[in-house]
N, C-alpha and C. Protein backbone atom coordinates (compact mmCIF):
# COMPACT_ATOMS: atom_id res chain seq x y z
N MET A 1 -12.29 -13.13 -6.63
CA MET A 1 -11.52 -11.90 -6.57
C MET A 1 -10.02 -12.18 -6.63
N ALA A 2 -9.58 -13.31 -6.06
CA ALA A 2 -8.16 -13.65 -6.06
C ALA A 2 -7.64 -13.81 -7.48
N LYS A 3 -8.49 -14.26 -8.40
CA LYS A 3 -8.09 -14.44 -9.79
C LYS A 3 -7.81 -13.12 -10.49
N HIS A 4 -8.30 -12.00 -9.92
CA HIS A 4 -8.15 -10.70 -10.56
C HIS A 4 -6.98 -9.89 -10.02
N MET A 5 -6.23 -10.45 -9.08
CA MET A 5 -5.06 -9.74 -8.58
C MET A 5 -4.02 -9.67 -9.69
N ARG A 6 -3.42 -8.52 -9.85
CA ARG A 6 -2.40 -8.38 -10.89
C ARG A 6 -1.29 -9.39 -10.65
N PRO A 7 -1.01 -10.23 -11.64
CA PRO A 7 -0.03 -11.32 -11.45
C PRO A 7 1.33 -10.85 -10.96
N MET A 8 1.78 -9.69 -11.43
CA MET A 8 3.12 -9.23 -11.04
C MET A 8 3.22 -8.93 -9.55
N PHE A 9 2.08 -8.62 -8.90
CA PHE A 9 2.12 -8.29 -7.49
C PHE A 9 2.34 -9.50 -6.60
N ILE A 10 1.95 -10.67 -7.05
CA ILE A 10 2.07 -11.85 -6.20
C ILE A 10 3.53 -12.10 -5.80
N PRO A 11 4.46 -12.27 -6.74
CA PRO A 11 5.85 -12.47 -6.32
C PRO A 11 6.48 -11.20 -5.74
N LEU A 12 6.06 -10.04 -6.21
CA LEU A 12 6.62 -8.78 -5.70
C LEU A 12 6.34 -8.64 -4.21
N LEU A 13 5.10 -8.89 -3.80
CA LEU A 13 4.76 -8.75 -2.38
C LEU A 13 5.38 -9.87 -1.55
N GLU A 14 5.53 -11.06 -2.12
CA GLU A 14 6.23 -12.14 -1.42
C GLU A 14 7.68 -11.74 -1.14
N GLU A 15 8.32 -11.20 -2.16
CA GLU A 15 9.72 -10.78 -2.01
C GLU A 15 9.84 -9.63 -1.02
N ALA A 16 8.93 -8.67 -1.10
CA ALA A 16 8.95 -7.54 -0.16
C ALA A 16 8.82 -8.05 1.27
N HIS A 17 7.88 -8.96 1.50
CA HIS A 17 7.70 -9.52 2.84
C HIS A 17 8.95 -10.26 3.30
N SER A 18 9.57 -11.01 2.41
CA SER A 18 10.77 -11.77 2.78
C SER A 18 11.92 -10.84 3.17
N LYS A 19 11.88 -9.60 2.71
CA LYS A 19 12.90 -8.60 3.04
C LYS A 19 12.47 -7.72 4.20
N SER A 20 11.40 -8.13 4.90
CA SER A 20 10.85 -7.40 6.06
C SER A 20 10.34 -6.01 5.70
N ILE A 21 9.90 -5.85 4.48
CA ILE A 21 9.24 -4.60 4.08
C ILE A 21 7.80 -4.70 4.54
N ARG A 22 7.34 -3.71 5.25
CA ARG A 22 5.97 -3.71 5.78
C ARG A 22 5.00 -3.31 4.68
N LEU A 23 3.85 -3.97 4.62
CA LEU A 23 2.94 -3.82 3.50
C LEU A 23 1.57 -3.34 3.95
N ALA A 24 1.01 -2.42 3.18
CA ALA A 24 -0.35 -1.94 3.42
C ALA A 24 -1.07 -1.84 2.09
N ILE A 25 -2.33 -2.17 2.12
CA ILE A 25 -3.21 -2.01 0.97
C ILE A 25 -4.09 -0.81 1.29
N CYS A 26 -4.01 0.22 0.49
CA CYS A 26 -4.83 1.42 0.67
C CYS A 26 -5.69 1.57 -0.58
N THR A 27 -6.99 1.46 -0.39
CA THR A 27 -7.90 1.42 -1.52
C THR A 27 -9.15 2.22 -1.25
N PHE A 28 -9.76 2.73 -2.29
CA PHE A 28 -11.04 3.42 -2.15
C PHE A 28 -12.20 2.42 -2.12
N SER A 29 -11.90 1.15 -2.29
CA SER A 29 -12.94 0.12 -2.26
C SER A 29 -13.42 -0.08 -0.82
N PRO A 30 -14.72 -0.30 -0.64
CA PRO A 30 -15.22 -0.63 0.70
C PRO A 30 -15.12 -2.13 1.00
N GLN A 31 -14.61 -2.93 0.07
CA GLN A 31 -14.62 -4.38 0.20
C GLN A 31 -13.39 -4.91 0.96
N VAL A 32 -13.13 -4.33 2.11
CA VAL A 32 -11.94 -4.69 2.89
C VAL A 32 -11.97 -6.15 3.32
N LYS A 33 -13.13 -6.67 3.70
CA LYS A 33 -13.21 -8.08 4.11
C LYS A 33 -12.88 -9.00 2.95
N HIS A 34 -13.32 -8.66 1.76
CA HIS A 34 -13.00 -9.48 0.58
C HIS A 34 -11.50 -9.40 0.26
N ILE A 35 -10.96 -8.21 0.36
CA ILE A 35 -9.52 -8.04 0.10
C ILE A 35 -8.71 -8.85 1.11
N SER A 36 -9.12 -8.81 2.36
CA SER A 36 -8.45 -9.59 3.40
C SER A 36 -8.51 -11.08 3.09
N GLU A 37 -9.64 -11.54 2.60
CA GLU A 37 -9.79 -12.95 2.25
C GLU A 37 -8.90 -13.32 1.06
N VAL A 38 -8.80 -12.43 0.07
CA VAL A 38 -7.92 -12.67 -1.07
C VAL A 38 -6.48 -12.79 -0.59
N LEU A 39 -6.06 -11.90 0.29
CA LEU A 39 -4.70 -11.97 0.82
C LEU A 39 -4.48 -13.27 1.59
N ARG A 40 -5.49 -13.74 2.32
CA ARG A 40 -5.38 -14.99 3.06
C ARG A 40 -5.19 -16.17 2.09
N ILE A 41 -5.88 -16.13 0.96
CA ILE A 41 -5.77 -17.21 -0.03
C ILE A 41 -4.41 -17.18 -0.73
N ILE A 42 -3.99 -16.00 -1.15
CA ILE A 42 -2.75 -15.89 -1.93
C ILE A 42 -1.51 -16.00 -1.05
N TYR A 43 -1.57 -15.43 0.14
CA TYR A 43 -0.42 -15.40 1.05
C TYR A 43 -0.78 -16.05 2.39
N PRO A 44 -1.02 -17.35 2.40
CA PRO A 44 -1.48 -17.99 3.64
C PRO A 44 -0.50 -17.87 4.80
N ASP A 45 0.79 -17.74 4.51
CA ASP A 45 1.79 -17.69 5.57
C ASP A 45 1.98 -16.32 6.19
N PHE A 46 1.54 -15.26 5.51
CA PHE A 46 1.78 -13.93 6.08
C PHE A 46 0.66 -12.93 5.81
N HIS A 47 -0.51 -13.39 5.44
CA HIS A 47 -1.62 -12.48 5.14
C HIS A 47 -1.94 -11.55 6.31
N GLN A 48 -1.72 -12.01 7.53
CA GLN A 48 -2.04 -11.21 8.70
C GLN A 48 -1.07 -10.04 8.89
N HIS A 49 0.00 -10.01 8.13
CA HIS A 49 0.97 -8.92 8.24
C HIS A 49 0.55 -7.67 7.46
N PHE A 50 -0.40 -7.80 6.55
CA PHE A 50 -0.88 -6.65 5.78
C PHE A 50 -1.77 -5.77 6.64
N VAL A 51 -1.63 -4.47 6.46
CA VAL A 51 -2.60 -3.51 7.00
C VAL A 51 -3.46 -3.11 5.81
N ILE A 52 -4.76 -3.09 6.00
CA ILE A 52 -5.67 -2.73 4.90
C ILE A 52 -6.46 -1.50 5.32
N ARG A 53 -6.49 -0.52 4.44
CA ARG A 53 -7.30 0.68 4.65
C ARG A 53 -8.19 0.85 3.41
N GLY A 54 -9.47 0.86 3.62
CA GLY A 54 -10.42 1.05 2.54
C GLY A 54 -11.58 1.89 3.03
N ARG A 55 -12.55 2.07 2.20
CA ARG A 55 -13.73 2.87 2.55
C ARG A 55 -14.78 2.01 3.26
N ASP A 56 -14.38 1.39 4.35
CA ASP A 56 -15.30 0.53 5.08
C ASP A 56 -15.68 1.10 6.45
N LYS A 57 -15.24 2.30 6.74
CA LYS A 57 -15.56 3.02 7.99
C LYS A 57 -15.04 2.29 9.23
N SER A 58 -14.01 1.46 9.08
CA SER A 58 -13.45 0.76 10.23
C SER A 58 -12.30 1.52 10.87
N TRP A 59 -11.92 2.65 10.30
CA TRP A 59 -10.78 3.41 10.78
C TRP A 59 -11.05 4.89 10.55
N SER A 60 -10.25 5.71 11.18
CA SER A 60 -10.33 7.15 10.93
C SER A 60 -8.93 7.73 11.00
N TYR A 61 -8.77 8.86 10.38
CA TYR A 61 -7.48 9.54 10.38
C TYR A 61 -7.62 10.78 11.25
N GLU A 62 -6.79 10.86 12.27
CA GLU A 62 -6.89 11.96 13.23
C GLU A 62 -5.75 12.96 13.10
N GLY A 63 -4.85 12.74 12.16
CA GLY A 63 -3.67 13.59 12.04
C GLY A 63 -3.95 14.94 11.38
N ASN A 64 -2.89 15.70 11.25
CA ASN A 64 -2.97 17.04 10.66
C ASN A 64 -2.50 17.08 9.21
N GLY A 65 -2.21 15.93 8.64
CA GLY A 65 -1.67 15.89 7.28
C GLY A 65 -2.74 16.05 6.21
N MET A 66 -2.29 15.90 4.97
CA MET A 66 -3.17 16.02 3.82
C MET A 66 -4.32 15.01 3.91
N ARG A 67 -5.49 15.45 3.54
CA ARG A 67 -6.66 14.58 3.59
C ARG A 67 -7.16 14.20 2.20
N ASP A 68 -6.38 14.53 1.18
CA ASP A 68 -6.75 14.22 -0.20
C ASP A 68 -6.11 12.91 -0.64
N GLY A 69 -6.71 12.30 -1.66
CA GLY A 69 -6.14 11.09 -2.25
C GLY A 69 -6.00 9.97 -1.24
N LYS A 70 -4.92 9.24 -1.37
CA LYS A 70 -4.66 8.10 -0.49
C LYS A 70 -3.90 8.51 0.78
N GLN A 71 -3.57 9.80 0.91
CA GLN A 71 -2.74 10.24 2.02
C GLN A 71 -3.30 9.87 3.40
N PRO A 72 -4.58 10.12 3.69
CA PRO A 72 -5.06 9.74 5.02
C PRO A 72 -5.06 8.22 5.23
N TYR A 73 -5.30 7.47 4.17
CA TYR A 73 -5.27 6.01 4.25
C TYR A 73 -3.87 5.54 4.63
N MET A 74 -2.89 6.12 3.94
CA MET A 74 -1.50 5.74 4.19
C MET A 74 -1.05 6.15 5.59
N ALA A 75 -1.45 7.33 6.02
CA ALA A 75 -1.06 7.80 7.35
C ALA A 75 -1.66 6.90 8.43
N SER A 76 -2.91 6.52 8.25
CA SER A 76 -3.55 5.63 9.22
C SER A 76 -2.88 4.26 9.22
N ALA A 77 -2.54 3.75 8.05
CA ALA A 77 -1.84 2.46 7.96
C ALA A 77 -0.47 2.55 8.63
N ALA A 78 0.22 3.67 8.41
CA ALA A 78 1.54 3.85 9.04
C ALA A 78 1.42 3.87 10.55
N THR A 79 0.37 4.48 11.07
CA THR A 79 0.15 4.50 12.52
C THR A 79 -0.04 3.09 13.05
N GLU A 80 -0.83 2.29 12.35
CA GLU A 80 -1.03 0.90 12.79
C GLU A 80 0.27 0.10 12.70
N LEU A 81 1.03 0.31 11.65
CA LEU A 81 2.30 -0.39 11.52
C LEU A 81 3.25 -0.01 12.65
N GLN A 82 3.21 1.26 13.05
CA GLN A 82 4.06 1.72 14.15
C GLN A 82 3.72 0.98 15.45
N VAL A 83 2.42 0.73 15.65
CA VAL A 83 1.99 -0.02 16.83
C VAL A 83 2.43 -1.48 16.73
N ARG A 84 2.27 -2.05 15.56
CA ARG A 84 2.63 -3.47 15.36
C ARG A 84 4.14 -3.70 15.44
N PHE A 85 4.90 -2.72 14.99
CA PHE A 85 6.35 -2.86 14.90
C PHE A 85 7.03 -1.69 15.60
N PRO A 86 6.93 -1.63 16.92
CA PRO A 86 7.55 -0.52 17.65
C PRO A 86 9.06 -0.51 17.42
N GLY A 87 9.59 0.67 17.35
CA GLY A 87 11.03 0.80 17.10
C GLY A 87 11.36 0.98 15.63
N GLU A 88 10.41 0.67 14.75
CA GLU A 88 10.61 0.91 13.32
C GLU A 88 10.01 2.27 12.97
N SER A 89 10.55 2.89 11.96
CA SER A 89 10.10 4.23 11.56
C SER A 89 9.25 4.15 10.30
N PHE A 90 8.07 4.76 10.36
CA PHE A 90 7.18 4.81 9.20
C PHE A 90 6.87 6.27 8.94
N THR A 91 7.54 6.80 7.93
CA THR A 91 7.38 8.22 7.59
C THR A 91 7.14 8.35 6.09
N LYS A 92 6.90 9.56 5.66
CA LYS A 92 6.73 9.80 4.22
C LYS A 92 7.98 9.40 3.44
N ARG A 93 9.13 9.52 4.08
CA ARG A 93 10.40 9.19 3.40
C ARG A 93 10.63 7.68 3.34
N THR A 94 9.96 6.92 4.21
CA THR A 94 10.15 5.46 4.21
C THR A 94 8.95 4.74 3.60
N THR A 95 8.07 5.50 2.99
CA THR A 95 6.84 4.95 2.43
C THR A 95 6.87 5.10 0.91
N LEU A 96 6.27 4.14 0.24
CA LEU A 96 6.13 4.21 -1.22
C LEU A 96 4.69 3.86 -1.59
N LEU A 97 4.04 4.77 -2.28
CA LEU A 97 2.71 4.51 -2.82
C LEU A 97 2.87 4.00 -4.25
N VAL A 98 2.26 2.87 -4.53
CA VAL A 98 2.16 2.36 -5.90
C VAL A 98 0.69 2.45 -6.25
N ASP A 99 0.35 3.24 -7.27
CA ASP A 99 -1.06 3.47 -7.58
C ASP A 99 -1.25 3.57 -9.08
N ASP A 100 -2.40 3.10 -9.54
CA ASP A 100 -2.71 3.18 -10.97
C ASP A 100 -3.44 4.48 -11.33
N ASP A 101 -3.64 5.34 -10.35
CA ASP A 101 -4.31 6.62 -10.58
C ASP A 101 -3.28 7.74 -10.43
N ASN A 102 -2.99 8.41 -11.53
CA ASN A 102 -2.01 9.49 -11.53
C ASN A 102 -2.36 10.60 -10.55
N ASN A 103 -3.65 10.83 -10.31
CA ASN A 103 -4.05 11.87 -9.36
C ASN A 103 -3.56 11.52 -7.96
N ASN A 104 -3.72 10.28 -7.55
CA ASN A 104 -3.24 9.86 -6.23
C ASN A 104 -1.72 9.97 -6.13
N VAL A 105 -1.04 9.58 -7.19
CA VAL A 105 0.42 9.69 -7.22
C VAL A 105 0.84 11.15 -7.10
N GLY A 106 0.18 12.01 -7.86
CA GLY A 106 0.50 13.44 -7.81
C GLY A 106 0.28 14.04 -6.43
N MET A 107 -0.81 13.70 -5.79
CA MET A 107 -1.08 14.22 -4.44
C MET A 107 -0.05 13.71 -3.44
N ALA A 108 0.33 12.44 -3.57
CA ALA A 108 1.35 11.89 -2.67
C ALA A 108 2.67 12.63 -2.85
N LEU A 109 3.08 12.81 -4.09
CA LEU A 109 4.33 13.51 -4.36
C LEU A 109 4.27 14.95 -3.85
N GLN A 110 3.15 15.60 -4.05
CA GLN A 110 2.96 16.97 -3.57
C GLN A 110 3.08 17.02 -2.05
N ASP A 111 2.67 15.95 -1.37
CA ASP A 111 2.71 15.90 0.09
C ASP A 111 4.05 15.38 0.62
N GLY A 112 4.98 15.08 -0.26
CA GLY A 112 6.30 14.64 0.18
C GLY A 112 6.43 13.14 0.37
N THR A 113 5.46 12.37 -0.11
CA THR A 113 5.51 10.92 -0.04
C THR A 113 6.03 10.38 -1.37
N ARG A 114 6.91 9.41 -1.30
CA ARG A 114 7.38 8.79 -2.55
C ARG A 114 6.23 8.03 -3.18
N ALA A 115 6.13 8.10 -4.50
CA ALA A 115 5.02 7.45 -5.19
C ALA A 115 5.43 7.09 -6.62
N ILE A 116 4.86 6.00 -7.09
CA ILE A 116 5.10 5.53 -8.46
C ILE A 116 3.76 5.20 -9.09
N TRP A 117 3.64 5.60 -10.35
CA TRP A 117 2.43 5.30 -11.11
C TRP A 117 2.55 3.90 -11.71
N LEU A 118 1.53 3.09 -11.50
CA LEU A 118 1.44 1.78 -12.13
C LEU A 118 0.69 1.94 -13.43
N ASN A 119 1.42 1.86 -14.53
CA ASN A 119 0.84 1.96 -15.86
C ASN A 119 0.22 0.60 -16.19
N GLU A 120 -1.09 0.54 -16.21
CA GLU A 120 -1.77 -0.74 -16.46
C GLU A 120 -1.47 -1.30 -17.85
N ASP A 121 -1.08 -0.43 -18.79
CA ASP A 121 -0.74 -0.91 -20.14
C ASP A 121 0.67 -1.50 -20.19
N ASP A 122 1.50 -1.15 -19.22
CA ASP A 122 2.87 -1.66 -19.18
C ASP A 122 3.27 -1.87 -17.71
N PRO A 123 2.67 -2.87 -17.05
CA PRO A 123 2.93 -3.04 -15.62
C PRO A 123 4.38 -3.36 -15.28
N GLU A 124 5.12 -3.93 -16.22
CA GLU A 124 6.53 -4.25 -15.95
C GLU A 124 7.36 -2.99 -15.73
N GLU A 125 6.88 -1.86 -16.22
CA GLU A 125 7.56 -0.58 -16.02
C GLU A 125 7.68 -0.26 -14.53
N LEU A 126 6.74 -0.75 -13.74
CA LEU A 126 6.76 -0.53 -12.30
C LEU A 126 8.07 -1.03 -11.69
N LEU A 127 8.51 -2.20 -12.08
CA LEU A 127 9.74 -2.77 -11.53
C LEU A 127 10.94 -1.91 -11.87
N TYR A 128 10.96 -1.40 -13.08
CA TYR A 128 12.03 -0.49 -13.51
C TYR A 128 12.00 0.78 -12.66
N ASP A 129 10.81 1.35 -12.47
CA ASP A 129 10.68 2.57 -11.67
C ASP A 129 11.09 2.34 -10.22
N MET A 130 10.75 1.17 -9.68
CA MET A 130 11.13 0.86 -8.31
C MET A 130 12.65 0.73 -8.17
N GLN A 131 13.28 0.11 -9.15
CA GLN A 131 14.73 -0.03 -9.12
C GLN A 131 15.42 1.34 -9.16
N ASN A 132 14.82 2.27 -9.86
CA ASN A 132 15.41 3.61 -9.94
C ASN A 132 15.31 4.38 -8.64
N LEU A 133 14.47 3.94 -7.73
CA LEU A 133 14.36 4.60 -6.43
C LEU A 133 15.53 4.25 -5.51
N ILE A 134 16.15 3.13 -5.79
CA ILE A 134 17.23 2.64 -4.89
C ILE A 134 18.47 3.46 -5.04
């Protein structure tokens, strides 16, 4: 599975971590244990810093926010990050969803969360889009 990680994400997530950007993987996949193992292989020094939310029934969302798309996954991840890093703020304004599904991006934007579409045909466009957010 580690061989199938998008190559551009490896240095991007390393750089994000080095800048103390908190990272969460929110996926509709139930293979959370496999994803965790991939992160351990690729990022041995900081794999434990990722929060992972998938369809593995290991978590639940108790909030009043949107329950469509990745929104409950992100909200649950933000709650865990808040516990791990007290004093830091995790809100829709400080969160960025990167997703290859335009529907998830649209729902996030509709809910007031910043989001960028990852065009699988032109993944380098993601870096350009991220720079435009700054």
